[in-house]
Amino acid sequence: MKKNMGNLDRITRIMLAVVFAALYFTEITTGTIGLVLVIIGGVFLATSFISFCPLYTIVGINTCPKDEE
């Protein structure tokens, strides 16, 4: 897998995952919406740790700087 995510993108995804988890575990969002947010947060964390987003490949987006590829 070739990296297609830059540092700003990775940091943003990690921050969103933390916010989604906090909303769920403090019971601000519950039920189906809460579970969907937790799952999306998990996907965000996984893709940020491997610096690769499959959806970016399909759409043709690359936020990774040229020297990191």
C-alpha atoms as a PDB file:
ATOM      1  CA  MET A   1       0.000   0.000   0.000  1.00  0.00           C
ATOM      2  CA  LYS A   2       1.300   3.373  -0.989  1.00  0.00           C
ATOM      3  CA  LYS A   3       0.721   6.173   1.524  1.00  0.00           C
ATOM      4  CA  ASN A   4      -1.976   8.629   0.464  1.00  0.00           C
ATOM      5  CA  MET A   5      -2.573  10.586   3.698  1.00  0.00           C
ATOM      6  CA  GLY A   6      -0.580  13.555   4.954  1.00  0.00           C
ATOM      7  CA  ASN A   7       0.088  14.451   8.583  1.00  0.00           C
ATOM      8  CA  LEU A   8      -2.674  17.065   8.827  1.00  0.00           C
ATOM      9  CA  ASP A   9      -5.202  14.549   7.514  1.00  0.00           C
ATOM     10  CA  ARG A  10      -4.011  11.893   9.964  1.00  0.00           C
ATOM     11  CA  ILE A  11      -4.133  14.271  12.952  1.00  0.00           C
ATOM     12  CA  THR A  12      -7.631  15.446  11.992  1.00  0.00           C
ATOM     13  CA  ARG A  13      -8.876  11.856  11.798  1.00  0.00           C
ATOM     14  CA  ILE A  14      -7.382  10.973  15.186  1.00  0.00           C
ATOM     15  CA  MET A  15      -8.974  14.036  16.785  1.00  0.00           C
ATOM     16  CA  LEU A  16     -12.373  13.183  15.263  1.00  0.00           C
ATOM     17  CA  ALA A  17     -12.081   9.604  16.513  1.00  0.00           C
ATOM     18  CA  VAL A  18     -11.395  10.864  20.040  1.00  0.00           C
ATOM     19  CA  VAL A  19     -14.373  13.241  19.871  1.00  0.00           C
ATOM     20  CA  PHE A  20     -16.667  10.462  18.584  1.00  0.00           C
ATOM     21  CA  ALA A  21     -15.518   8.123  21.363  1.00  0.00           C
ATOM     22  CA  ALA A  22     -15.990  10.820  24.007  1.00  0.00           C
ATOM     23  CA  LEU A  23     -19.502  11.555  22.763  1.00  0.00           C
ATOM     24  CA  TYR A  24     -20.407   7.884  22.940  1.00  0.00           C
ATOM     25  CA  PHE A  25     -18.798   7.005  26.275  1.00  0.00           C
ATOM     26  CA  THR A  26     -20.177  10.079  28.039  1.00  0.00           C
ATOM     27  CA  GLU A  27     -23.594   9.048  26.694  1.00  0.00           C
ATOM     28  CA  ILE A  28     -24.188  12.293  24.831  1.00  0.00           C
ATOM     29  CA  THR A  29     -24.920  10.209  21.734  1.00  0.00           C
ATOM     30  CA  THR A  30     -26.477   6.811  22.279  1.00  0.00           C
ATOM     31  CA  GLY A  31     -28.161   4.080  20.337  1.00  0.00           C
ATOM     32  CA  THR A  32     -27.584   3.556  16.638  1.00  0.00           C
ATOM     33  CA  ILE A  33     -26.090   6.985  16.009  1.00  0.00           C
ATOM     34  CA  GLY A  34     -23.581   6.495  18.813  1.00  0.00           C
ATOM     35  CA  LEU A  35     -22.530   3.091  17.520  1.00  0.00           C
ATOM     36  CA  VAL A  36     -22.142   4.427  13.985  1.00  0.00           C
ATOM     37  CA  LEU A  37     -19.919   7.235  15.281  1.00  0.00           C
ATOM     38  CA  VAL A  38     -17.760   4.774  17.236  1.00  0.00           C
ATOM     39  CA  ILE A  39     -17.363   2.561  14.159  1.00  0.00           C
ATOM     40  CA  ILE A  40     -16.454   5.546  11.981  1.00  0.00           C
ATOM     41  CA  GLY A  41     -13.974   6.642  14.649  1.00  0.00           C
ATOM     42  CA  GLY A  42     -12.403   3.182  14.607  1.00  0.00           C
ATOM     43  CA  VAL A  43     -12.033   3.334  10.840  1.00  0.00           C
ATOM     44  CA  PHE A  44     -10.507   6.807  11.143  1.00  0.00           C
ATOM     45  CA  LEU A  45      -7.978   5.532  13.692  1.00  0.00           C
ATOM     46  CA  ALA A  46      -7.044   2.500  11.613  1.00  0.00           C
ATOM     47  CA  THR A  47      -6.573   4.469   8.410  1.00  0.00           C
ATOM     48  CA  SER A  48      -4.583   7.197  10.162  1.00  0.00           C
ATOM     49  CA  PHE A  49      -2.167   4.685  11.714  1.00  0.00           C
ATOM     50  CA  ILE A  50      -1.439   3.021   8.370  1.00  0.00           C
ATOM     51  CA  SER A  51      -1.502   6.341   6.426  1.00  0.00           C
ATOM     52  CA  PHE A  52      -3.706   4.806   3.759  1.00  0.00           C
ATOM     53  CA  CYS A  53      -7.362   5.423   2.945  1.00  0.00           C
ATOM     54  CA  PRO A  54      -8.961   3.068   0.403  1.00  0.00           C
ATOM     55  CA  LEU A  55     -11.659   5.635  -0.378  1.00  0.00           C
ATOM     56  CA  TYR A  56      -8.985   8.163  -1.350  1.00  0.00           C
ATOM     57  CA  THR A  57      -7.652   5.657  -3.884  1.00  0.00           C
ATOM     58  CA  ILE A  58     -11.082   5.224  -5.461  1.00  0.00           C
ATOM     59  CA  VAL A  59     -11.708   8.988  -5.635  1.00  0.00           C
ATOM     60  CA  GLY A  60      -8.113   9.824  -6.632  1.00  0.00           C
ATOM     61  CA  ILE A  61      -7.199  11.989  -3.634  1.00  0.00           C
ATOM     62  CA  ASN A  62      -3.661  12.096  -2.239  1.00  0.00           C
ATOM     63  CA  THR A  63      -2.844  14.409   0.682  1.00  0.00           C
ATOM     64  CA  CYS A  64       0.598  12.933   1.271  1.00  0.00           C
ATOM     65  CA  PRO A  65       3.517  15.220   0.377  1.00  0.00           C
ATOM     66  CA  LYS A  66       5.678  14.033  -2.528  1.00  0.00           C
ATOM     67  CA  ASP A  67       8.753  13.337  -0.354  1.00  0.00           C
ATOM     68  CA  GLU A  68       6.853  10.891   1.934  1.00  0.00           C
ATOM     69  CA  GLU A  69       5.448   8.694  -0.837  1.00  0.00           C
END
